[in-house]
Protein backbone atom coordinates (compact mmCIF):
# COMPACT_ATOMS: atom_id res chain seq x y z
CA MET A 1 145.06 -123.04 -69.59
CA SER A 2 141.82 -122.09 -70.32
CA GLU A 3 140.52 -118.38 -69.48
CA GLN A 4 137.91 -120.58 -67.61
CA ASN A 5 140.34 -122.25 -65.45
CA GLN A 6 142.49 -118.80 -65.07
CA SER A 7 139.44 -116.67 -63.80
CA THR A 8 138.59 -116.43 -60.27
CA GLU A 9 134.92 -116.20 -60.99
CA TYR A 10 134.19 -120.13 -61.31
CA GLY A 11 133.82 -122.18 -58.35
CA GLY A 12 131.33 -120.40 -56.15
CA ASP A 13 127.82 -121.52 -55.05
CA LYS A 14 126.07 -119.61 -57.81
CA ASP A 15 127.03 -118.60 -61.47
CA LEU A 16 128.57 -115.32 -61.26
CA VAL A 17 125.97 -113.69 -63.96
CA ASP A 18 123.15 -114.87 -61.28
CA ILE A 19 125.08 -113.10 -58.20
CA ALA A 20 125.34 -109.60 -60.26
CA ARG A 21 121.73 -109.95 -61.12
CA GLU A 22 120.97 -110.08 -57.25
CA SER A 23 123.23 -107.67 -56.31
CA SER A 24 121.60 -104.85 -58.77
CA PHE A 25 119.88 -103.38 -56.08
CA ALA A 26 123.14 -102.02 -54.35
CA LEU A 27 123.67 -100.02 -57.30
CA ARG A 28 120.15 -98.14 -56.56
CA ASP A 29 121.28 -96.98 -53.33
CA THR A 30 125.23 -96.73 -52.41
CA THR A 31 125.06 -93.96 -49.84
CA LYS A 32 124.06 -97.03 -47.26
CA TRP A 33 127.36 -99.19 -47.98
CA LEU A 34 129.70 -96.80 -49.91
CA HIS A 35 131.21 -94.66 -47.51
CA ARG A 36 134.43 -92.92 -48.86
CA ARG A 37 136.69 -92.78 -51.65
CA VAL A 38 139.95 -91.05 -51.71
CA GLU A 39 141.94 -90.77 -54.92
CA ARG A 40 145.56 -89.35 -55.70
CA ILE A 41 146.90 -88.43 -58.81
CA CYS A 42 150.62 -87.76 -59.41
CA HIS A 43 152.68 -86.84 -62.27
CA THR A 44 156.10 -89.36 -63.16
CA GLU A 45 158.96 -88.96 -64.78
CA ARG A 46 157.60 -89.63 -68.28
CA SER A 47 154.08 -88.00 -69.37
CA MET A 48 152.18 -90.04 -67.58
CA VAL A 49 150.01 -90.00 -64.36
CA ARG A 50 149.87 -92.62 -61.88
CA ARG A 51 145.98 -92.89 -59.97
CA LYS A 52 145.79 -94.49 -56.54
CA VAL A 53 142.37 -95.22 -55.12
CA SER A 54 141.19 -96.45 -51.88
CA VAL A 55 137.60 -97.47 -51.07
CA ASP A 56 136.47 -97.80 -47.99
CA PHE A 57 132.71 -99.63 -47.88
CA THR A 58 130.30 -102.13 -45.96
CA ILE A 59 129.32 -105.31 -47.26
CA PRO A 60 125.38 -104.76 -48.03
CA GLU A 61 123.32 -106.74 -45.63
CA ASP A 62 121.34 -108.65 -48.49
CA LEU A 63 124.19 -108.86 -50.65
CA PRO A 64 124.04 -112.53 -51.99
CA PRO A 65 127.32 -114.48 -50.98
CA PHE A 66 129.30 -115.98 -53.94
CA HIS A 67 130.17 -118.43 -51.77
CA GLN A 68 128.28 -119.39 -48.45
CA SER A 69 130.56 -120.45 -45.61
CA GLU A 70 129.33 -123.45 -43.64
CA ASP A 71 130.80 -121.69 -40.15
CA ASP A 72 130.05 -117.85 -40.21
CA ALA A 73 132.35 -117.81 -37.18
CA THR A 74 135.43 -118.86 -38.62
CA THR A 75 135.33 -118.69 -42.19
CA PRO A 76 134.20 -115.80 -43.98
CA ASN A 77 131.97 -115.66 -47.01
CA VAL A 78 133.07 -114.64 -50.24
CA TYR A 79 131.28 -111.81 -52.14
CA PHE A 80 131.53 -109.92 -55.55
CA VAL A 81 130.99 -105.77 -54.49
CA PRO A 82 130.45 -103.36 -57.07
CA VAL A 83 132.88 -100.52 -55.54
CA ALA A 84 134.03 -98.28 -58.87
CA LEU A 85 133.88 -97.80 -62.56
CA LEU A 86 137.11 -98.20 -64.58
CA ARG A 87 137.48 -97.09 -67.96
CA LYS A 88 136.82 -99.81 -70.81
CA TRP A 89 139.24 -98.25 -73.32
CA PRO A 90 141.96 -97.89 -74.00
CA PRO A 91 143.01 -100.20 -71.22
CA LEU A 92 144.66 -99.42 -67.41
CA MET A 93 148.23 -99.85 -67.76
CA GLU A 94 149.51 -101.36 -64.74
CA PHE A 95 146.50 -101.85 -62.95
CA ASP A 96 146.82 -103.54 -59.41
CA LEU A 97 144.04 -104.41 -57.12
CA ARG A 98 145.03 -105.31 -53.38
CA ALA A 99 143.11 -105.24 -50.05
CA GLU A 100 143.66 -103.37 -46.68
CA ASP A 101 146.56 -105.52 -45.70
CA GLY A 102 148.45 -105.41 -49.15
CA ARG A 103 147.16 -109.07 -50.59
CA PRO A 104 146.42 -108.83 -53.94
CA ILE A 105 143.06 -109.09 -55.19
CA PRO A 106 142.16 -111.29 -58.76
CA LEU A 107 140.18 -109.74 -61.47
CA LEU A 108 137.62 -110.52 -63.72
CA THR A 109 138.40 -111.66 -67.33
CA THR A 110 137.05 -108.46 -69.55
CA ARG A 111 134.20 -110.65 -71.21
CA LYS A 112 132.80 -111.85 -68.00
CA ASN A 113 133.13 -108.48 -66.52
CA ARG A 114 130.89 -107.10 -69.27
CA GLU A 115 128.46 -109.88 -68.84
CA VAL A 116 127.96 -109.48 -65.03
CA ASP A 117 127.58 -105.65 -65.74
CA ALA A 118 124.92 -106.49 -68.05
CA ALA A 119 122.97 -108.78 -65.75
CA ALA A 120 123.40 -106.23 -63.43
CA LEU A 121 122.11 -103.86 -65.38
CA ILE A 122 119.05 -105.53 -66.92
CA ASP A 123 117.75 -106.36 -63.58
CA LEU A 124 118.36 -103.19 -62.45
CA ALA A 125 115.31 -102.06 -64.85
CA PRO A 126 111.70 -102.14 -63.76
CA GLU A 127 109.81 -105.17 -64.32
CA GLY A 128 107.96 -105.00 -67.59
CA SER A 129 107.05 -105.00 -70.99
CA GLU A 130 109.54 -102.41 -71.82
CA ARG A 131 112.34 -104.17 -69.89
CA GLU A 132 111.67 -107.32 -72.11
CA CYS A 133 111.83 -104.94 -75.01
CA LEU A 134 114.87 -102.99 -74.14
CA ARG A 135 116.78 -106.13 -72.78
CA SER A 136 118.94 -106.71 -75.45
CA LEU A 137 120.06 -102.81 -75.87
CA LEU A 138 120.67 -102.52 -72.13
CA GLU A 139 123.18 -105.77 -72.65
CA SER A 140 124.94 -104.46 -75.74
CA VAL A 141 125.50 -101.01 -73.48
CA ALA A 142 127.49 -103.66 -71.44
CA HIS A 143 129.38 -105.39 -73.91
CA LEU A 144 130.20 -102.47 -76.57
CA ASP A 145 132.70 -100.25 -76.92
CA GLU A 146 131.93 -96.41 -76.72
CA PRO A 147 130.27 -95.71 -80.08
CA GLY A 148 128.55 -98.82 -80.13
CA ALA A 149 127.29 -98.75 -76.10
CA ARG A 150 126.14 -94.73 -77.09
CA HIS A 151 124.19 -95.65 -79.98
CA SER A 152 122.57 -98.36 -77.97
CA LEU A 153 121.89 -95.96 -74.88
CA GLU A 154 120.64 -93.32 -77.25
CA ALA A 155 117.90 -95.83 -78.99
CA VAL A 156 116.88 -96.88 -75.23
CA GLY A 157 116.04 -93.19 -74.61
CA THR A 158 114.34 -92.71 -77.73
CA PHE A 159 112.08 -95.89 -76.72
CA LEU A 160 111.19 -94.96 -73.43
CA ASP A 161 110.81 -91.04 -74.23
CA VAL A 162 107.48 -92.18 -76.46
CA ARG A 163 106.18 -94.27 -73.37
CA TRP A 164 107.41 -91.81 -70.29
CA ALA A 165 104.08 -90.06 -69.71
CA SER A 166 102.37 -93.54 -69.71
CA LEU A 167 104.60 -95.31 -67.01
CA PRO A 168 103.88 -95.42 -63.20
CA PRO A 169 105.77 -92.72 -60.85
CA ASP A 170 107.75 -96.03 -59.46
CA ASP A 171 108.73 -97.29 -62.87
CA GLN A 172 109.55 -93.76 -63.91
CA LYS A 173 112.02 -93.44 -61.18
CA ALA A 174 113.62 -96.61 -61.78
CA TRP A 175 114.19 -96.63 -65.44
CA HIS A 176 115.87 -93.15 -64.41
CA ARG A 177 118.60 -94.73 -61.90
CA THR A 178 118.70 -97.27 -64.86
CA LEU A 179 119.56 -94.73 -67.43
CA ARG A 180 122.01 -92.95 -65.27
CA VAL A 181 123.85 -96.13 -64.76
CA ALA A 182 123.96 -97.02 -68.20
CA GLY A 183 125.52 -93.84 -69.07
CA SER A 184 128.12 -94.70 -67.18
CA LEU A 185 128.55 -98.27 -68.56
CA VAL A 186 128.98 -96.60 -72.00
CA THR A 187 132.38 -95.63 -71.27
CA ASN A 188 133.20 -97.71 -68.08
CA SER A 189 132.90 -101.42 -66.60
CA ILE A 190 131.93 -101.78 -63.06
CA LEU A 191 134.82 -103.38 -60.71
CA TRP A 192 133.57 -106.33 -59.25
CA VAL A 193 135.74 -106.97 -56.43
CA ARG A 194 136.67 -110.17 -54.62
CA VAL A 195 136.22 -110.39 -51.13
CA GLU A 196 136.32 -112.51 -48.17
CA ALA A 197 134.10 -110.98 -45.30
CA ASN A 198 130.71 -111.44 -43.34
CA PRO A 199 127.51 -109.51 -43.98
CA GLY A 200 127.90 -105.84 -42.56
CA GLN A 201 131.99 -106.06 -42.43
CA ARG A 202 133.34 -102.99 -43.28
CA GLN A 203 135.93 -103.19 -45.99
CA LEU A 204 139.01 -101.15 -47.31
CA ILE A 205 140.38 -102.00 -51.11
CA LYS A 206 143.06 -100.22 -52.93
CA PHE A 207 143.74 -100.22 -56.40
CA ALA A 208 146.29 -98.19 -58.61
CA PHE A 209 146.98 -97.57 -62.28
CA ILE A 210 149.03 -95.82 -64.64
CA ASP A 211 147.31 -93.05 -66.91
CA PRO A 212 148.70 -90.46 -69.77
CA ALA A 213 148.63 -87.42 -68.45
CA PRO A 214 145.76 -85.36 -69.58
CA LYS A 215 146.67 -83.09 -72.78
CA GLU A 216 145.50 -79.58 -73.08
CA LEU A 217 142.73 -80.22 -75.80
CA LEU A 218 142.23 -76.17 -76.82
CA LEU A 219 144.92 -75.10 -79.44
CA ARG A 220 144.71 -71.52 -78.20
CA ARG A 221 145.55 -72.63 -74.51
CA ARG A 222 148.58 -74.56 -75.42
CA VAL A 223 150.10 -71.77 -77.48
CA LEU A 224 149.51 -69.30 -74.49
CA SER A 225 150.95 -71.58 -72.15
CA ALA A 226 153.97 -72.20 -73.99
CA PHE A 227 155.00 -68.85 -73.48
CA SER A 228 153.56 -69.15 -70.16
CA TRP A 229 151.07 -66.39 -70.88
CA ALA A 230 148.42 -68.65 -69.44
CA PRO A 231 148.38 -71.96 -67.31
CA ARG A 232 147.51 -75.44 -68.90
CA ARG A 233 144.54 -76.98 -67.94
CA ALA A 234 144.34 -80.56 -67.03
CA GLN A 235 140.96 -82.39 -66.68
CA TYR A 236 139.97 -85.57 -65.02
CA LEU A 237 136.51 -87.33 -65.62
CA LEU A 238 134.93 -88.79 -62.78
CA PRO A 239 132.13 -91.20 -63.40
CA ASN A 240 129.23 -91.51 -61.60
CA LEU A 241 128.64 -94.61 -59.36
CA GLY A 242 125.71 -93.58 -57.36
CA GLU A 243 125.46 -91.94 -53.99
CA ARG A 244 128.72 -92.19 -52.06
CA GLY A 245 129.28 -90.92 -48.53
CA SER A 246 132.57 -88.52 -49.47
CA TYR A 247 135.43 -88.22 -52.38
CA HIS A 248 138.72 -86.86 -52.08
CA LEU A 249 140.71 -86.30 -55.01
CA GLU A 250 144.62 -84.75 -54.34
CA ILE A 251 146.62 -84.00 -57.50
CA GLU A 252 150.29 -83.14 -57.33
CA VAL A 253 152.03 -81.69 -60.09
CA PRO A 254 155.94 -82.15 -61.19
CA PRO A 255 158.66 -80.55 -59.65
CA ASP A 256 158.83 -76.82 -60.54
CA LEU A 257 155.64 -76.29 -61.71
CA ALA A 258 152.15 -74.92 -59.57
CA ILE A 259 148.71 -75.01 -59.48
CA TYR A 260 147.09 -71.53 -60.38
CA ARG A 261 143.84 -73.35 -59.55
CA ALA A 262 141.96 -76.02 -59.09
CA LYS A 263 138.14 -76.98 -59.31
CA LEU A 264 135.64 -79.62 -59.04
CA GLU A 265 132.28 -79.62 -61.52
CA LEU A 266 129.26 -81.62 -60.73
CA SER A 267 126.42 -82.36 -63.02
CA ASP A 268 123.53 -84.43 -63.30
CA LEU A 269 124.34 -85.45 -66.79
CA PRO A 270 128.09 -86.71 -68.06
CA PRO A 271 130.25 -83.62 -68.54
CA LEU A 272 131.19 -82.96 -71.93
CA VAL A 273 134.30 -81.00 -73.58
CA PRO A 274 133.14 -77.29 -74.02
CA GLN A 275 132.97 -76.01 -77.71
CA THR A 276 133.93 -72.56 -77.84
CA PRO A 277 133.59 -70.31 -81.35
CA PRO A 278 136.94 -69.78 -82.95
CA GLY A 279 138.48 -66.61 -81.88
CA THR A 280 136.23 -65.51 -78.71
CA LYS A 281 138.21 -66.70 -75.85
CA THR A 282 141.09 -65.12 -77.61
CA LEU A 283 139.63 -61.67 -77.74
CA SER A 284 138.30 -61.96 -74.32
CA TRP A 285 142.08 -62.97 -73.48
CA LEU A 286 143.05 -59.68 -75.14
CA LYS A 287 140.58 -57.76 -73.52
CA ALA A 288 141.65 -58.47 -70.15
CA LEU A 289 145.31 -58.52 -70.60
CA PRO A 290 145.89 -55.05 -68.90
CA GLU A 291 144.14 -56.37 -65.67
CA LYS A 292 146.44 -59.83 -66.31
CA LEU A 293 149.22 -57.40 -66.32
CA ALA A 294 148.84 -55.65 -63.39
CA LEU A 295 147.92 -58.72 -61.73
CA GLY A 296 150.76 -60.05 -62.26
CA MET A 297 153.04 -56.99 -61.40
CA ARG A 298 151.45 -57.18 -57.80
CA GLU A 299 152.49 -60.69 -57.55
CA ARG A 300 156.29 -60.12 -58.53
CA TYR A 301 156.03 -57.32 -56.60
CA ARG A 302 154.96 -59.73 -53.56
CA GLU A 303 157.40 -62.38 -54.38
CA LEU A 304 160.36 -59.67 -54.10
CA LEU A 305 159.47 -58.53 -51.07
CA ASP A 306 158.64 -62.23 -49.68
CA PRO A 307 160.07 -65.64 -51.58
CA GLY A 308 158.71 -67.70 -49.67
CA ARG A 309 155.34 -66.41 -48.90
CA GLN A 310 152.51 -68.83 -48.69
CA ARG A 311 148.56 -68.17 -49.40
CA ARG A 312 146.71 -67.78 -46.13
CA PRO A 313 144.86 -70.63 -45.01
CA GLU A 314 141.17 -70.06 -45.72
CA ASP A 315 138.82 -69.97 -42.61
CA GLN A 316 137.42 -73.17 -41.25
CA ARG A 317 133.50 -74.06 -42.52
CA GLU A 318 131.68 -76.79 -43.21
CA VAL A 319 131.09 -77.99 -46.45
CA GLU A 320 127.30 -78.44 -47.52
CA PRO A 321 126.27 -81.62 -48.87
CA GLY A 322 126.72 -82.03 -52.42
CA LYS A 323 128.74 -78.97 -52.93
CA PRO A 324 132.22 -79.42 -53.98
CA TYR A 325 135.50 -77.80 -52.07
CA ALA A 326 138.91 -76.74 -53.62
CA ARG A 327 141.91 -75.61 -52.48
CA ASN A 328 145.47 -75.75 -53.77
CA VAL A 329 148.55 -75.08 -52.00
CA GLY A 330 151.60 -74.57 -54.36
CA GLU A 331 151.85 -77.88 -55.76
CA ARG A 332 149.11 -79.60 -54.12
CA ALA A 333 145.17 -79.29 -54.92
CA TYR A 334 142.74 -80.88 -52.73
CA LEU A 335 139.38 -81.63 -53.92
CA TYR A 336 136.74 -82.75 -51.96
CA VAL A 337 132.43 -83.29 -51.97
CA VAL A 338 130.33 -84.97 -49.28
CA GLY A 339 126.89 -86.64 -49.64
CA SER A 340 126.76 -86.26 -53.58
CA GLN A 341 123.66 -87.05 -55.09
CA ASP A 342 123.65 -89.38 -58.31
CA GLN A 343 126.44 -86.85 -59.87
CA TYR A 344 129.28 -87.00 -62.40
CA GLY A 345 132.29 -84.96 -61.76
CA MET A 346 135.22 -83.31 -63.53
CA ALA A 347 137.92 -82.06 -61.54
CA SER A 348 140.35 -79.21 -63.53
CA VAL A 349 143.37 -78.16 -62.60
CA ASP A 350 145.00 -75.16 -64.10
CA MET A 351 148.93 -75.95 -63.89
CA GLY A 352 151.95 -73.44 -64.66
CA ILE A 353 155.46 -72.43 -64.11
CA GLY A 354 155.71 -72.53 -60.09
CA ASN A 355 159.94 -72.03 -60.52
CA ARG A 356 160.46 -68.75 -62.39
CA ALA A 357 163.82 -68.43 -62.30
CA LEU A 358 164.78 -69.49 -66.23
CA ILE A 359 161.77 -66.75 -67.22
CA THR A 360 163.23 -64.39 -65.67
CA SER A 361 166.74 -65.22 -66.53
CA SER A 362 165.62 -65.32 -70.09
CA TRP A 363 163.84 -62.00 -69.53
CA ARG A 364 166.98 -60.46 -68.14
CA ALA A 365 169.55 -61.84 -70.87
CA SER A 366 167.01 -60.39 -73.40
CA LEU A 367 167.32 -56.75 -71.85
CA VAL A 368 170.84 -57.42 -71.87
CA ILE A 369 170.89 -58.14 -75.65
CA THR A 370 168.33 -55.53 -76.91
CA ALA A 371 170.60 -52.80 -74.72
CA LEU A 372 173.55 -54.25 -77.06
CA LEU A 373 171.38 -53.97 -80.08
CA ALA A 374 170.29 -50.15 -79.23
CA LEU A 375 174.20 -49.40 -78.92
CA LEU A 376 175.33 -50.85 -82.37
CA TRP A 377 172.52 -48.58 -84.15
CA GLN A 378 173.04 -45.48 -82.14
CA ALA A 379 177.15 -46.16 -82.55
CA PRO A 380 177.77 -48.43 -86.00
CA GLY A 381 181.20 -46.69 -86.22
CA SER A 382 182.19 -48.43 -82.97
CA VAL A 383 182.35 -51.91 -84.25
CA VAL A 384 182.39 -51.28 -88.36
CA HIS A 385 186.21 -50.19 -87.72
CA HIS A 386 186.61 -53.24 -85.60
CA LEU A 387 185.25 -55.79 -88.02
CA ASP A 388 186.99 -59.08 -86.69
CA GLY A 389 186.64 -58.47 -82.49
CA ALA A 390 183.08 -56.87 -83.29
CA VAL A 391 182.13 -60.19 -85.51
CA ALA A 392 183.57 -62.65 -82.93
CA LEU A 393 181.99 -60.86 -80.01
CA LEU A 394 178.08 -60.72 -81.48
CA VAL A 395 178.60 -64.50 -82.52
CA ILE A 396 179.78 -65.75 -78.96
CA PHE A 397 176.22 -64.59 -77.45
CA PRO A 398 174.20 -67.61 -78.45
CA ALA A 399 176.88 -69.83 -77.33
CA LEU A 400 176.96 -68.31 -73.83
CA LEU A 401 173.30 -68.03 -73.54
CA ALA A 402 172.96 -71.91 -74.50
CA LEU A 403 173.73 -72.52 -70.84
CA VAL A 404 169.96 -70.85 -69.95
CA VAL A 405 168.69 -72.41 -72.67
CA VAL A 406 169.67 -76.38 -71.91
CA ARG A 407 168.69 -77.96 -68.79
CA ALA A 408 168.70 -81.48 -68.08
CA GLY A 409 166.34 -83.53 -66.29
CA GLU A 410 163.63 -81.44 -66.68
CA HIS A 411 159.80 -83.28 -66.52
CA PRO A 412 158.16 -83.36 -70.16
CA MET A 413 155.44 -80.93 -68.81
CA MET A 414 157.82 -78.32 -67.94
CA ARG A 415 159.46 -78.46 -71.44
CA GLN A 416 156.28 -77.73 -72.74
CA LEU A 417 155.44 -75.20 -70.62
CA ILE A 418 158.30 -72.88 -71.32
CA ALA A 419 158.98 -73.87 -74.74
CA GLY A 420 157.76 -70.49 -75.99
CA VAL A 421 160.24 -68.80 -73.70
CA ARG A 422 163.14 -71.09 -75.08
CA PHE A 423 162.14 -69.91 -78.59
CA LEU A 424 161.76 -66.41 -77.70
CA LEU A 425 164.94 -66.40 -76.12
CA VAL A 426 166.64 -68.28 -78.91
CA GLY A 427 165.35 -65.71 -81.15
CA ALA A 428 166.81 -62.84 -78.65
CA ALA A 429 170.21 -64.87 -79.04
CA MET A 430 170.63 -64.84 -82.61
CA LEU A 431 169.93 -60.77 -83.17
CA PRO A 432 173.71 -60.14 -82.61
CA VAL A 433 174.46 -62.67 -84.87
CA VAL A 434 172.14 -61.12 -88.18
CA ASP A 435 173.91 -57.63 -87.18
CA ALA A 436 177.48 -59.73 -87.70
CA LEU A 437 175.74 -60.92 -91.32
CA PHE A 438 174.82 -57.31 -92.15
CA MET A 439 178.65 -56.15 -91.51
CA LEU A 440 180.10 -59.32 -92.98
CA ALA A 441 177.91 -58.25 -96.47
CA TYR A 442 179.87 -55.60 -96.89
CA ALA A 443 183.99 -55.64 -97.95
CA HIS A 444 184.42 -52.47 -95.84
CA PRO A 445 181.23 -51.52 -94.34
CA ARG A 446 180.83 -47.96 -93.30
CA ALA A 447 178.59 -46.62 -90.44
CA GLY A 448 175.72 -45.17 -92.58
CA ASP A 449 175.33 -49.01 -94.52
CA VAL A 450 174.31 -50.85 -91.56
CA ARG A 451 172.68 -48.00 -89.37
CA THR A 452 169.04 -48.94 -91.06
CA PRO A 453 169.41 -52.59 -90.41
CA PHE A 454 170.88 -52.42 -87.12
CA LEU A 455 167.24 -50.12 -86.33
CA ILE A 456 165.33 -53.08 -87.91
CA VAL A 457 167.05 -55.73 -85.50
CA PHE A 458 167.11 -52.82 -82.73
CA LEU A 459 163.46 -53.22 -82.80
CA VAL A 460 163.26 -56.89 -83.36
CA GLY A 461 164.99 -57.42 -80.21
CA ALA A 462 163.00 -54.52 -78.08
CA PHE A 463 159.81 -56.68 -79.30
CA VAL A 464 161.27 -60.15 -78.06
CA SER A 465 161.81 -58.24 -74.58
CA VAL A 466 158.32 -56.88 -74.46
CA LEU A 467 157.05 -60.54 -74.92
CA LEU A 468 159.27 -62.23 -72.48
CA GLY A 469 158.42 -59.32 -69.92
CA THR A 470 155.05 -60.62 -70.46
CA SER A 471 155.84 -64.25 -69.71
CA TRP A 472 157.48 -63.02 -66.71
CA LEU A 473 154.49 -60.85 -65.68
CA LEU A 474 151.76 -63.52 -66.23
CA PRO A 475 150.58 -65.39 -63.79
CA GLY A 476 147.43 -66.95 -65.20
CA THR A 477 145.43 -67.26 -62.10
CA THR A 478 142.30 -65.76 -63.28
CA ASP A 479 142.56 -67.46 -66.97
CA ASP A 480 139.46 -69.32 -68.38
């Protein structure tokens, strides 16, 4: 079967490219018809996230129908409405688009989608010689993947920058809006939803897809979070589709994890990943370490007094238009903005260990091991004269602690955030084995032969206990 017969964009009263061209006005100001978008992000059992989105909108009165009904009273029209932006590459997995009643909605092919995006973008630009000169570049922004589209957009900006002062104010405003939509189309395509409705009718569509879980970009933070010394940051880009009534985002983390901080940042330009000079953040983290440890001691004390303590609810207040609001309660974060004006967004969530039982058990085990190593150092004669029994006792420690280290059914993110703690615990468990090897190195060991090695092993054990104690204390709530 040919692509044309498989697609749903054919068979209307007009060509879909012409419909997109006539519908470009809807992208200039979406406040009148795009009311509310609600998104929910939750982590699956794999290292993936499922994103569920619902969009509440009204069919614009002047939107041209793809198919005009002969009897509006009984049969609705067919429209293609630009309601959202979807990433160009890599492709979205398990994408599912449905109407409010659960009926599946067919999608345009990728090639046709980019054709209609290009038509809408070109028609969005003000008429004149500038649009004719930039027509091919604007078309390539919609058609090409990110590297080529970004290069084309930069060429458009360079061309307009030379002529900007000579453009009329209305054309400057129109080009500003065109460049904003073009900036969104560098990495995204417009989701043109096929709906059957009458002009001015309220609609609700829902779509969902699977994405890889965001990875921590900074090596420093990945290392610190593995030892539970800092949270791991997940960032979600929220592309701009003009103005909207309200945007709600709910993020849910896997079991045994917690959200330390949630933040929604809005910007006039697409957000970029910040570049930090090497060593700058590490030094600032070390300088703030005493304050973080004091904060951790206070948090652990509160948890001891009230294990099920919840954060105090915030006072009710109105959120100013265009100002983001964020709140997190344990394993959930809620982000919200109303009346955003042509703004891009980035949601940042700091996640860390919520169930600290493994860290607590690891620290306690290391303290017991350190106490044993101290005893061996202070009284080496008590073991060198009972070599067989002492060696058997010391070697059995790693086997006993394996019950603490190995936990079935853990979420992959939990394993990542606890990897450093497990490494330290395994290292502490192996220290008694090292003492045993020192004794076996002599045919008939004496107390004086092993005292110095026992001291070195004890100091290493004490250092590991300090590191695990730091993992137990640090909450990471103020880490940047």
